[in-house]
PDB file of N, CA and C in Angstrom:
ATOM      1  N   MET A   1     101.724  88.918 111.264  1.00  0.00           N
ATOM      2  CA  MET A   1     101.465  90.608 111.578  1.00  0.00           C
ATOM      3  C   MET A   1     102.000  91.443 110.240  1.00  0.00           C
ATOM      4  N   GLU A   2     103.194  90.554 109.298  1.00  0.00           N
ATOM      5  CA  GLU A   2     104.021  91.173 108.223  1.00  0.00           C
ATOM      6  C   GLU A   2     102.696  91.219 107.207  1.00  0.00           C
ATOM      7  N   GLU A   3     102.396  90.125 107.046  1.00  0.00           N
ATOM      8  CA  GLU A   3     101.348  89.970 105.923  1.00  0.00           C
ATOM      9  C   GLU A   3     100.037  90.970 106.126  1.00  0.00           C
ATOM     10  N   VAL A   4      99.436  91.327 106.912  1.00  0.00           N
ATOM     11  CA  VAL A   4      98.500  91.893 107.688  1.00  0.00           C
ATOM     12  C   VAL A   4      99.120  93.570 107.151  1.00  0.00           C
ATOM     13  N   LYS A   5     100.351  93.934 107.571  1.00  0.00           N
ATOM     14  CA  LYS A   5     100.768  95.273 107.415  1.00  0.00           C
ATOM     15  C   LYS A   5     101.245  95.648 105.850  1.00  0.00           C
ATOM     16  N   LEU A   6     101.864  94.432 105.283  1.00  0.00           N
ATOM     17  CA  LEU A   6     102.169  94.223 103.499  1.00  0.00           C
ATOM     18  C   LEU A   6     100.817  94.724 102.982  1.00  0.00           C
ATOM     19  N   SER A   7      99.648  94.248 103.434  1.00  0.00           N
ATOM     20  CA  SER A   7      98.258  94.665 102.576  1.00  0.00           C
ATOM     21  C   SER A   7      97.840  95.718 102.599  1.00  0.00           C
ATOM     22  N   ILE A   8      97.980  96.523 104.135  1.00  0.00           N
ATOM     23  CA  ILE A   8      97.657  97.569 104.533  1.00  0.00           C
ATOM     24  C   ILE A   8      98.315  98.764 103.665  1.00  0.00           C
ATOM     25  N   ILE A   9      99.887  98.453 103.689  1.00  0.00           N
ATOM     26  CA  ILE A   9     100.710  99.194 102.490  1.00  0.00           C
ATOM     27  C   ILE A   9     100.525  99.080 101.119  1.00  0.00           C
ATOM     28  N   LYS A  10     100.342  98.009 100.721  1.00  0.00           N
ATOM     29  CA  LYS A  10      99.949  98.091  99.405  1.00  0.00           C
ATOM     30  C   LYS A  10      98.942  98.833  98.718  1.00  0.00           C
ATOM     31  N   LYS A  11      97.553  98.708  99.733  1.00  0.00           N
ATOM     32  CA  LYS A  11      96.096  98.932  99.581  1.00  0.00           C
ATOM     33  C   LYS A  11      96.201 100.835  99.414  1.00  0.00           C
ATOM     34  N   ALA A  12      96.853 101.102 100.549  1.00  0.00           N
ATOM     35  CA  ALA A  12      97.310 102.442 100.664  1.00  0.00           C
ATOM     36  C   ALA A  12      97.845 103.219  99.612  1.00  0.00           C
ATOM     37  N   ILE A  13      98.829 102.661  98.619  1.00  0.00           N
ATOM     38  CA  ILE A  13      99.773 102.665  97.638  1.00  0.00           C
ATOM     39  C   ILE A  13      98.479 103.241  96.380  1.00  0.00           C
ATOM     40  N   ASP A  14      97.846 101.906  96.727  1.00  0.00           N
ATOM     41  CA  ASP A  14      97.241 101.420  95.134  1.00  0.00           C
ATOM     42  C   ASP A  14      95.811 102.527  95.530  1.00  0.00           C
ATOM     43  N   GLU A  15      95.541 102.812  96.409  1.00  0.00           N
ATOM     44  CA  GLU A  15      94.449 104.073  96.584  1.00  0.00           C
ATOM     45  C   GLU A  15      94.782 105.109  96.468  1.00  0.00           C
ATOM     46  N   LYS A  16      96.061 105.631  96.104  1.00  0.00           N
ATOM     47  CA  LYS A  16      96.317 106.613  95.960  1.00  0.00           C
ATOM     48  C   LYS A  16      96.840 106.830  94.586  1.00  0.00           C
ATOM     49  N   LYS A  17      96.756 106.180  93.578  1.00  0.00           N
ATOM     50  CA  LYS A  17      96.926 105.820  92.310  1.00  0.00           C
ATOM     51  C   LYS A  17      98.359 105.959  91.982  1.00  0.00           C
ATOM     52  N   ALA A  18      99.357 105.110  92.746  1.00  0.00           N
ATOM     53  CA  ALA A  18     100.568 104.789  92.386  1.00  0.00           C
ATOM     54  C   ALA A  18     100.681 103.909  91.508  1.00  0.00           C
ATOM     55  N   GLU A  19     101.598 103.628  90.716  1.00  0.00           N
ATOM     56  CA  GLU A  19     101.743 102.767  89.322  1.00  0.00           C
ATOM     57  C   GLU A  19     102.803 101.812  89.904  1.00  0.00           C
ATOM     58  N   ASP A  20     102.614 100.481  88.899  1.00  0.00           N
ATOM     59  CA  ASP A  20     103.774  99.378  89.022  1.00  0.00           C
ATOM     60  C   ASP A  20     104.093  99.090  90.346  1.00  0.00           C
ATOM     61  N   ILE A  21     103.571  98.962  91.432  1.00  0.00           N
ATOM     62  CA  ILE A  21     103.627  98.054  92.301  1.00  0.00           C
ATOM     63  C   ILE A  21     104.146  96.948  92.399  1.00  0.00           C
ATOM     64  N   GLU A  22     105.530  96.871  92.730  1.00  0.00           N
ATOM     65  CA  GLU A  22     106.272  95.465  92.919  1.00  0.00           C
ATOM     66  C   GLU A  22     106.618  95.530  94.433  1.00  0.00           C
ATOM     67  N   VAL A  23     106.298  94.215  94.936  1.00  0.00           N
ATOM     68  CA  VAL A  23     106.640  93.463  96.198  1.00  0.00           C
ATOM     69  C   VAL A  23     107.705  92.482  96.055  1.00  0.00           C
ATOM     70  N   ILE A  24     108.671  92.971  96.666  1.00  0.00           N
ATOM     71  CA  ILE A  24     110.018  91.979  96.882  1.00  0.00           C
ATOM     72  C   ILE A  24     110.091  91.035  98.088  1.00  0.00           C
ATOM     73  N   ASP A  25     110.021  89.775  98.150  1.00  0.00           N
ATOM     74  CA  ASP A  25     110.171  88.982  99.739  1.00  0.00           C
ATOM     75  C   ASP A  25     111.188  88.769  99.363  1.00  0.00           C
ATOM     76  N   VAL A  26     111.973  89.339 101.024  1.00  0.00           N
ATOM     77  CA  VAL A  26     113.075  89.226 101.126  1.00  0.00           C
ATOM     78  C   VAL A  26     113.763  88.392 102.283  1.00  0.00           C
ATOM     79  N   THR A  27     112.669  88.076 102.828  1.00  0.00           N
ATOM     80  CA  THR A  27     112.492  86.971 104.082  1.00  0.00           C
ATOM     81  C   THR A  27     113.655  86.127 103.983  1.00  0.00           C
ATOM     82  N   GLY A  28     114.703  86.196 105.302  1.00  0.00           N
ATOM     83  CA  GLY A  28     116.220  85.205 105.551  1.00  0.00           C
ATOM     84  C   GLY A  28     116.604  85.857 104.407  1.00  0.00           C
ATOM     85  N   HIS A  29     116.864  86.969 104.009  1.00  0.00           N
ATOM     86  CA  HIS A  29     118.186  87.841 103.334  1.00  0.00           C
ATOM     87  C   HIS A  29     118.652  88.687 103.766  1.00  0.00           C
ATOM     88  N   ASN A  30     117.523  89.165 105.106  1.00  0.00           N
ATOM     89  CA  ASN A  30     117.839  90.839 105.481  1.00  0.00           C
ATOM     90  C   ASN A  30     117.760  91.092 106.800  1.00  0.00           C
ATOM     91  N   PRO A  31     118.325  90.923 107.887  1.00  0.00           N
ATOM     92  CA  PRO A  31     118.187  90.805 109.360  1.00  0.00           C
ATOM     93  C   PRO A  31     116.991  92.212 109.810  1.00  0.00           C
ATOM     94  N   PHE A  32     116.863  93.020 108.421  1.00  0.00           N
ATOM     95  CA  PHE A  32     115.843  94.349 108.933  1.00  0.00           C
ATOM     96  C   PHE A  32     114.325  94.316 108.821  1.00  0.00           C
ATOM     97  N   TYR A  33     114.207  93.635 107.556  1.00  0.00           N
ATOM     98  CA  TYR A  33     113.129  93.819 106.857  1.00  0.00           C
ATOM     99  C   TYR A  33     113.043  92.398 106.145  1.00  0.00           C
ATOM    100  N   ASP A  34     111.824  92.370 105.837  1.00  0.00           N
ATOM    101  CA  ASP A  34     111.267  90.988 105.024  1.00  0.00           C
ATOM    102  C   ASP A  34     110.439  91.066 103.821  1.00  0.00           C
ATOM    103  N   PHE A  35     110.112  92.468 103.685  1.00  0.00           N
ATOM    104  CA  PHE A  35     109.737  92.886 102.034  1.00  0.00           C
ATOM    105  C   PHE A  35     109.839  94.165 101.914  1.00  0.00           C
ATOM    106  N   VAL A  36     110.235  94.087 100.554  1.00  0.00           N
ATOM    107  CA  VAL A  36     110.232  95.723  99.649  1.00  0.00           C
ATOM    108  C   VAL A  36     109.328  96.443  98.841  1.00  0.00           C
ATOM    109  N   VAL A  37     108.921  97.263  99.150  1.00  0.00           N
ATOM    110  CA  VAL A  37     107.797  97.514  98.067  1.00  0.00           C
ATOM    111  C   VAL A  37     108.197  98.315  97.726  1.00  0.00           C
ATOM    112  N   ILE A  38     108.055  98.968  96.190  1.00  0.00           N
ATOM    113  CA  ILE A  38     108.422  99.679  94.987  1.00  0.00           C
ATOM    114  C   ILE A  38     107.089 100.149  94.204  1.00  0.00           C
ATOM    115  N   ALA A  39     106.987 101.823  94.045  1.00  0.00           N
ATOM    116  CA  ALA A  39     106.025 102.072  93.693  1.00  0.00           C
ATOM    117  C   ALA A  39     106.831 103.166  92.647  1.00  0.00           C
ATOM    118  N   THR A  40     105.922 103.367  91.712  1.00  0.00           N
ATOM    119  CA  THR A  40     105.747 105.055  91.113  1.00  0.00           C
ATOM    120  C   THR A  40     104.917 105.867  91.093  1.00  0.00           C
ATOM    121  N   ILE A  41     105.576 106.944  91.185  1.00  0.00           N
ATOM    122  CA  ILE A  41     104.573 108.090  91.650  1.00  0.00           C
ATOM    123  C   ILE A  41     104.537 109.154  90.675  1.00  0.00           C
ATOM    124  N   GLY A  42     104.079 110.567  90.621  1.00  0.00           N
ATOM    125  CA  GLY A  42     104.136 110.891  89.762  1.00  0.00           C
ATOM    126  C   GLY A  42     104.344 112.384  90.061  1.00  0.00           C
ATOM    127  N   ASN A  43     104.354 112.678  91.541  1.00  0.00           N
ATOM    128  CA  ASN A  43     104.518 114.000  92.119  1.00  0.00           C
ATOM    129  C   ASN A  43     105.051 114.391  93.223  1.00  0.00           C
ATOM    130  N   SER A  44     105.302 115.013  94.056  1.00  0.00           N
ATOM    131  CA  SER A  44     105.570 115.201  95.571  1.00  0.00           C
ATOM    132  C   SER A  44     104.147 114.903  95.734  1.00  0.00           C
ATOM    133  N   ARG A  45     102.607 115.390  95.739  1.00  0.00           N
ATOM    134  CA  ARG A  45     101.589 115.872  96.037  1.00  0.00           C
ATOM    135  C   ARG A  45     101.348 114.203  96.390  1.00  0.00           C
ATOM    136  N   GLN A  46     101.452 113.405  95.161  1.00  0.00           N
ATOM    137  CA  GLN A  46     101.024 111.928  95.393  1.00  0.00           C
ATOM    138  C   GLN A  46     101.780 111.434  96.624  1.00  0.00           C
ATOM    139  N   ALA A  47     103.215 111.573  96.704  1.00  0.00           N
ATOM    140  CA  ALA A  47     103.925 110.522  97.803  1.00  0.00           C
ATOM    141  C   ALA A  47     103.501 111.387  99.026  1.00  0.00           C
ATOM    142  N   ASN A  48     103.280 112.624  99.051  1.00  0.00           N
ATOM    143  CA  ASN A  48     102.539 113.046 100.719  1.00  0.00           C
ATOM    144  C   ASN A  48     101.383 112.377 100.779  1.00  0.00           C
ATOM    145  N   ALA A  49     100.503 111.857 100.071  1.00  0.00           N
ATOM    146  CA  ALA A  49      99.172 111.457 100.498  1.00  0.00           C
ATOM    147  C   ALA A  49      99.129 110.144 100.656  1.00  0.00           C
ATOM    148  N   ILE A  50     100.309 109.479 100.244  1.00  0.00           N
ATOM    149  CA  ILE A  50     100.452 107.899 100.036  1.00  0.00           C
ATOM    150  C   ILE A  50     101.158 107.882 101.610  1.00  0.00           C
ATOM    151  N   VAL A  51     102.426 108.855 101.729  1.00  0.00           N
ATOM    152  CA  VAL A  51     102.897 108.551 103.004  1.00  0.00           C
ATOM    153  C   VAL A  51     102.006 108.866 104.188  1.00  0.00           C
ATOM    154  N   ASP A  52     100.959 109.434 104.099  1.00  0.00           N
ATOM    155  CA  ASP A  52      99.878 110.122 105.361  1.00  0.00           C
ATOM    156  C   ASP A  52      98.854 108.476 105.136  1.00  0.00           C
ATOM    157  N   GLU A  53      98.317 108.237 104.331  1.00  0.00           N
ATOM    158  CA  GLU A  53      97.657 107.206 104.052  1.00  0.00           C
ATOM    159  C   GLU A  53      98.137 105.972 104.939  1.00  0.00           C
ATOM    160  N   ILE A  54      99.745 105.663 104.378  1.00  0.00           N
ATOM    161  CA  ILE A  54     100.301 104.576 105.141  1.00  0.00           C
ATOM    162  C   ILE A  54     100.233 104.604 106.571  1.00  0.00           C
ATOM    163  N   SER A  55     100.706 105.790 107.075  1.00  0.00           N
ATOM    164  CA  SER A  55     100.989 106.143 108.616  1.00  0.00           C
ATOM    165  C   SER A  55      99.755 106.108 109.366  1.00  0.00           C
ATOM    166  N   LYS A  56      98.548 106.744 108.482  1.00  0.00           N
ATOM    167  CA  LYS A  56      97.175 106.598 109.120  1.00  0.00           C
ATOM    168  C   LYS A  56      96.509 105.250 109.191  1.00  0.00           C
ATOM    169  N   ASN A  57      97.069 104.186 107.865  1.00  0.00           N
ATOM    170  CA  ASN A  57      96.009 102.424 108.103  1.00  0.00           C
ATOM    171  C   ASN A  57      96.702 101.820 109.030  1.00  0.00           C
ATOM    172  N   LEU A  58      98.461 102.340 109.149  1.00  0.00           N
ATOM    173  CA  LEU A  58      99.063 101.274 110.130  1.00  0.00           C
ATOM    174  C   LEU A  58      98.683 101.715 111.384  1.00  0.00           C
ATOM    175  N   ALA A  59      98.309 103.138 111.883  1.00  0.00           N
ATOM    176  CA  ALA A  59      97.933 103.337 113.259  1.00  0.00           C
ATOM    177  C   ALA A  59      96.746 102.599 113.592  1.00  0.00           C
ATOM    178  N   LEU A  60      95.944 102.308 113.074  1.00  0.00           N
ATOM    179  CA  LEU A  60      94.870 101.508 112.958  1.00  0.00           C
ATOM    180  C   LEU A  60      95.153 100.180 113.554  1.00  0.00           C
ATOM    181  N   ILE A  61      96.181  99.714 113.121  1.00  0.00           N
ATOM    182  CA  ILE A  61      96.617  98.172 113.880  1.00  0.00           C
ATOM    183  C   ILE A  61      97.800  98.359 114.655  1.00  0.00           C
ATOM    184  N   LYS A  62      97.723  99.546 115.549  1.00  0.00           N
ATOM    185  CA  LYS A  62      98.483  99.773 116.570  1.00  0.00           C
ATOM    186  C   LYS A  62     100.287  99.578 115.726  1.00  0.00           C
ATOM    187  N   GLU A  63     100.124 100.004 114.587  1.00  0.00           N
ATOM    188  CA  GLU A  63     101.778 100.302 113.690  1.00  0.00           C
ATOM    189  C   GLU A  63     101.697 101.217 113.623  1.00  0.00           C
ATOM    190  N   GLU A  64     103.344 101.684 113.509  1.00  0.00           N
ATOM    191  CA  GLU A  64     103.577 103.248 112.966  1.00  0.00           C
ATOM    192  C   GLU A  64     104.781 103.034 111.779  1.00  0.00           C
ATOM    193  N   VAL A  65     104.923 104.236 111.046  1.00  0.00           N
ATOM    194  CA  VAL A  65     106.368 104.326 110.249  1.00  0.00           C
ATOM    195  C   VAL A  65     107.064 104.817 111.472  1.00  0.00           C
ATOM    196  N   ASN A  66     108.427 103.887 111.144  1.00  0.00           N
ATOM    197  CA  ASN A  66     109.395 104.138 112.134  1.00  0.00           C
ATOM    198  C   ASN A  66     110.104 105.395 111.605  1.00  0.00           C
ATOM    199  N   HIS A  67     110.384 105.472 110.350  1.00  0.00           N
ATOM    200  CA  HIS A  67     111.059 106.717 109.620  1.00  0.00           C
ATOM    201  C   HIS A  67     110.831 106.911 108.042  1.00  0.00           C
ATOM    202  N   ILE A  68     111.452 108.371 107.765  1.00  0.00           N
ATOM    203  CA  ILE A  68     110.408 108.479 106.237  1.00  0.00           C
ATOM    204  C   ILE A  68     112.088 109.201 105.963  1.00  0.00           C
ATOM    205  N   GLU A  69     112.525 108.768 104.405  1.00  0.00           N
ATOM    206  CA  GLU A  69     113.531 109.536 104.140  1.00  0.00           C
ATOM    207  C   GLU A  69     113.336 109.951 103.178  1.00  0.00           C
ATOM    208  N   GLY A  70     114.042 111.127 102.677  1.00  0.00           N
ATOM    209  CA  GLY A  70     113.839 111.695 101.712  1.00  0.00           C
ATOM    210  C   GLY A  70     112.342 113.377 101.958  1.00  0.00           C
ATOM    211  N   ASP A  71     112.793 113.969 100.878  1.00  0.00           N
ATOM    212  CA  ASP A  71     111.975 115.367 100.793  1.00  0.00           C
ATOM    213  C   ASP A  71     110.422 114.900 100.594  1.00  0.00           C
ATOM    214  N   THR A  72     109.425 114.556 100.959  1.00  0.00           N
ATOM    215  CA  THR A  72     108.399 114.642 100.633  1.00  0.00           C
ATOM    216  C   THR A  72     108.042 115.782  99.525  1.00  0.00           C
ATOM    217  N   SER A  73     108.417 117.392  99.483  1.00  0.00           N
ATOM    218  CA  SER A  73     107.726 118.052  99.143  1.00  0.00           C
ATOM    219  C   SER A  73     108.627 118.355  97.838  1.00  0.00           C
ATOM    220  N   SER A  74     109.769 117.908  97.673  1.00  0.00           N
ATOM    221  CA  SER A  74     110.684 118.004  95.945  1.00  0.00           C
ATOM    222  C   SER A  74     111.428 116.419  96.049  1.00  0.00           C
ATOM    223  N   SER A  75     111.409 115.506  96.514  1.00  0.00           N
ATOM    224  CA  SER A  75     112.102 114.430  96.275  1.00  0.00           C
ATOM    225  C   SER A  75     111.615 113.550  95.008  1.00  0.00           C
ATOM    226  N   ASP A  76     112.735 112.762  94.421  1.00  0.00           N
ATOM    227  CA  ASP A  76     112.162 112.033  93.495  1.00  0.00           C
ATOM    228  C   ASP A  76     111.976 110.246  93.920  1.00  0.00           C
ATOM    229  N   TRP A  77     113.220 110.358  94.947  1.00  0.00           N
ATOM    230  CA  TRP A  77     112.535 108.923  95.738  1.00  0.00           C
ATOM    231  C   TRP A  77     112.470 109.321  97.161  1.00  0.00           C
ATOM    232  N   ILE A  78     111.372 108.653  97.674  1.00  0.00           N
ATOM    233  CA  ILE A  78     111.244 108.681  98.956  1.00  0.00           C
ATOM    234  C   ILE A  78     111.092 107.418  99.498  1.00  0.00           C
ATOM    235  N   LEU A  79     112.264 106.778 100.785  1.00  0.00           N
ATOM    236  CA  LEU A  79     112.148 105.568 101.559  1.00  0.00           C
ATOM    237  C   LEU A  79     111.043 105.593 102.670  1.00  0.00           C
ATOM    238  N   ILE A  80     110.195 104.893 102.934  1.00  0.00           N
ATOM    239  CA  ILE A  80     109.410 104.998 104.186  1.00  0.00           C
ATOM    240  C   ILE A  80     109.816 103.691 104.946  1.00  0.00           C
ATOM    241  N   ASP A  81     110.552 103.583 106.015  1.00  0.00           N
ATOM    242  CA  ASP A  81     110.627 102.529 107.145  1.00  0.00           C
ATOM    243  C   ASP A  81     109.394 101.821 107.677  1.00  0.00           C
ATOM    244  N   CYS A  82     108.871 100.932 107.469  1.00  0.00           N
ATOM    245  CA  CYS A  82     107.689 100.795 108.494  1.00  0.00           C
ATOM    246  C   CYS A  82     107.965  99.590 109.171  1.00  0.00           C
ATOM    247  N   ASN A  83     109.011  99.184 109.536  1.00  0.00           N
ATOM    248  CA  ASN A  83     109.472  98.163 110.443  1.00  0.00           C
ATOM    249  C   ASN A  83     109.219  96.993 110.216  1.00  0.00           C
ATOM    250  N   GLY A  84     110.049  96.515 109.418  1.00  0.00           N
ATOM    251  CA  GLY A  84     110.144  95.165 109.124  1.00  0.00           C
ATOM    252  C   GLY A  84     109.409  95.147 107.181  1.00  0.00           C
ATOM    253  N   ILE A  85     109.347  96.107 106.746  1.00  0.00           N
ATOM    254  CA  ILE A  85     108.514  96.819 105.441  1.00  0.00           C
ATOM    255  C   ILE A  85     109.097  97.718 104.841  1.00  0.00           C
ATOM    256  N   ILE A  86     110.075  97.843 103.867  1.00  0.00           N
ATOM    257  CA  ILE A  86     110.499  99.029 103.174  1.00  0.00           C
ATOM    258  C   ILE A  86     109.940  99.246 102.097  1.00  0.00           C
ATOM    259  N   VAL A  87     109.236 100.451 102.056  1.00  0.00           N
ATOM    260  CA  VAL A  87     108.946 101.298 100.875  1.00  0.00           C
ATOM    261  C   VAL A  87     109.549 102.098 100.182  1.00  0.00           C
ATOM    262  N   HIS A  88     109.532 102.037  98.800  1.00  0.00           N
ATOM    263  CA  HIS A  88     110.400 103.155  98.011  1.00  0.00           C
ATOM    264  C   HIS A  88     109.302 103.651  96.956  1.00  0.00           C
ATOM    265  N   LEU A  89     109.019 105.227  96.996  1.00  0.00           N
ATOM    266  CA  LEU A  89     108.552 105.705  96.208  1.00  0.00           C
ATOM    267  C   LEU A  89     109.263 106.417  95.081  1.00  0.00           C
ATOM    268  N   PHE A  90     109.536 106.373  93.847  1.00  0.00           N
ATOM    269  CA  PHE A  90     110.089 106.858  92.929  1.00  0.00           C
ATOM    270  C   PHE A  90     108.935 107.543  91.853  1.00  0.00           C
ATOM    271  N   THR A  91     109.996 108.528  91.420  1.00  0.00           N
ATOM    272  CA  THR A  91     109.489 109.125  89.916  1.00  0.00           C
ATOM    273  C   THR A  91     109.720 108.341  89.028  1.00  0.00           C
ATOM    274  N   LEU A  92     108.940 107.984  88.114  1.00  0.00           N
ATOM    275  CA  LEU A  92     109.199 106.946  87.065  1.00  0.00           C
ATOM    276  C   LEU A  92     110.850 107.422  86.076  1.00  0.00           C
ATOM    277  N   GLN A  93     111.209 108.686  86.111  1.00  0.00           N
ATOM    278  CA  GLN A  93     112.617 108.409  85.752  1.00  0.00           C
ATOM    279  C   GLN A  93     113.806 108.197  86.751  1.00  0.00           C
ATOM    280  N   GLU A  94     113.515 108.643  87.957  1.00  0.00           N
ATOM    281  CA  GLU A  94     114.387 107.895  89.179  1.00  0.00           C
ATOM    282  C   GLU A  94     114.420 106.493  89.213  1.00  0.00           C
ATOM    283  N   ARG A  95     113.106 105.868  89.067  1.00  0.00           N
ATOM    284  CA  ARG A  95     112.516 104.794  89.242  1.00  0.00           C
ATOM    285  C   ARG A  95     113.744 103.504  87.706  1.00  0.00           C
ATOM    286  N   LEU A  96     113.908 104.634  86.864  1.00  0.00           N
ATOM    287  CA  LEU A  96     114.228 103.911  85.772  1.00  0.00           C
ATOM    288  C   LEU A  96     115.683 103.985  85.766  1.00  0.00           C
ATOM    289  N   ARG A  97     116.011 105.072  86.486  1.00  0.00           N
ATOM    290  CA  ARG A  97     117.492 105.368  86.486  1.00  0.00           C
ATOM    291  C   ARG A  97     118.170 104.442  87.300  1.00  0.00           C
ATOM    292  N   ILE A  98     117.537 104.270  88.847  1.00  0.00           N
ATOM    293  CA  ILE A  98     117.953 103.483  90.045  1.00  0.00           C
ATOM    294  C   ILE A  98     118.084 101.827  89.989  1.00  0.00           C
ATOM    295  N   ASN A  99     116.988 101.698  89.252  1.00  0.00           N
ATOM    296  CA  ASN A  99     116.513  99.981  88.924  1.00  0.00           C
ATOM    297  C   ASN A  99     117.119  99.385  90.181  1.00  0.00           C
ATOM    298  N   LEU A 100     116.339  99.600  91.002  1.00  0.00           N
ATOM    299  CA  LEU A 100     116.340  98.822  92.402  1.00  0.00           C
ATOM    300  C   LEU A 100     115.570  97.793  92.092  1.00  0.00           C
ATOM    301  N   GLU A 101     114.794  97.330  91.496  1.00  0.00           N
ATOM    302  CA  GLU A 101     114.335  95.878  91.530  1.00  0.00           C
ATOM    303  C   GLU A 101     115.257  94.926  90.829  1.00  0.00           C
ATOM    304  N   GLU A 102     115.626  94.881  90.017  1.00  0.00           N
ATOM    305  CA  GLU A 102     116.958  94.173  89.198  1.00  0.00           C
ATOM    306  C   GLU A 102     117.796  94.350  90.452  1.00  0.00           C
ATOM    307  N   LEU A 103     118.472  95.067  90.764  1.00  0.00           N
ATOM    308  CA  LEU A 103     119.826  95.019  92.145  1.00  0.00           C
ATOM    309  C   LEU A 103     119.206  93.965  93.070  1.00  0.00           C
ATOM    310  N   LEU A 104     117.788  94.259  93.685  1.00  0.00           N
ATOM    311  CA  LEU A 104     117.512  92.830  94.809  1.00  0.00           C
ATOM    312  C   LEU A 104     117.514  91.629  94.082  1.00  0.00           C
ATOM    313  N   LYS A 105     116.705  91.505  93.005  1.00  0.00           N
ATOM    314  CA  LYS A 105     116.487  89.971  92.414  1.00  0.00           C
ATOM    315  C   LYS A 105     117.969  89.495  92.352  1.00  0.00           C
ATOM    316  N   LYS A 106     118.683  90.390  91.716  1.00  0.00           N
ATOM    317  CA  LYS A 106     120.105  89.637  91.449  1.00  0.00           C
ATOM    318  C   LYS A 106     120.555  89.572  92.735  1.00  0.00           C
ATOM    319  N   ASN A 107     120.410  90.101  93.549  1.00  0.00           N
ATOM    320  CA  ASN A 107     121.278  90.056  95.377  1.00  0.00           C
ATOM    321  C   ASN A 107     120.413  88.435  95.946  1.00  0.00           C
ATOM    322  N   LEU A 108     119.387  88.632  95.465  1.00  0.00           N
ATOM    323  CA  LEU A 108     118.604  87.435  96.016  1.00  0.00           C
ATOM    324  C   LEU A 108     118.822  86.005  95.204  1.00  0.00           C
ATOM    325  N   LYS A 109     119.287  86.305  94.102  1.00  0.00           N
ATOM    326  CA  LYS A 109     119.964  84.822  93.632  1.00  0.00           C
ATOM    327  C   LYS A 109     120.900  84.553  93.938  1.00  0.00           C
ATOM    328  N   ARG A 110     121.765  85.499  94.547  1.00  0.00           N
ATOM    329  CA  ARG A 110     123.331  85.133  95.203  1.00  0.00           C
ATOM    330  C   ARG A 110     123.332  83.896  95.903  1.00  0.00           C
ATOM    331  N   PHE A 111     121.989  84.564  96.969  1.00  0.00           N
ATOM    332  CA  PHE A 111     122.318  83.463  98.080  1.00  0.00           C
ATOM    333  C   PHE A 111     121.145  82.384  98.233  1.00  0.00           C
TER     334      PHE A 111
END
């Protein structure tokens, strides 16, 4: 089921024109989620559209967004908890500053 959810989430992000979508498989390294999806957004309107699209499409398979962290009207970083898949939407500047991909990949190598 996680692969189906992941496909739906990636498609929703892509359809709303986010850039540089990256999926990191953390299966077996974290008890709370198996995948981390990271994408770059241009603005808050795009973030809202992505959150809405993910929510709408997950509902079609009787899944839901568990929690959204960050203000979709003004934040540079939005976290969407999709029950087993965590989505991070960053503005370009924030994504470069945080460099979450590098941090996750380094931690995966340690285990």
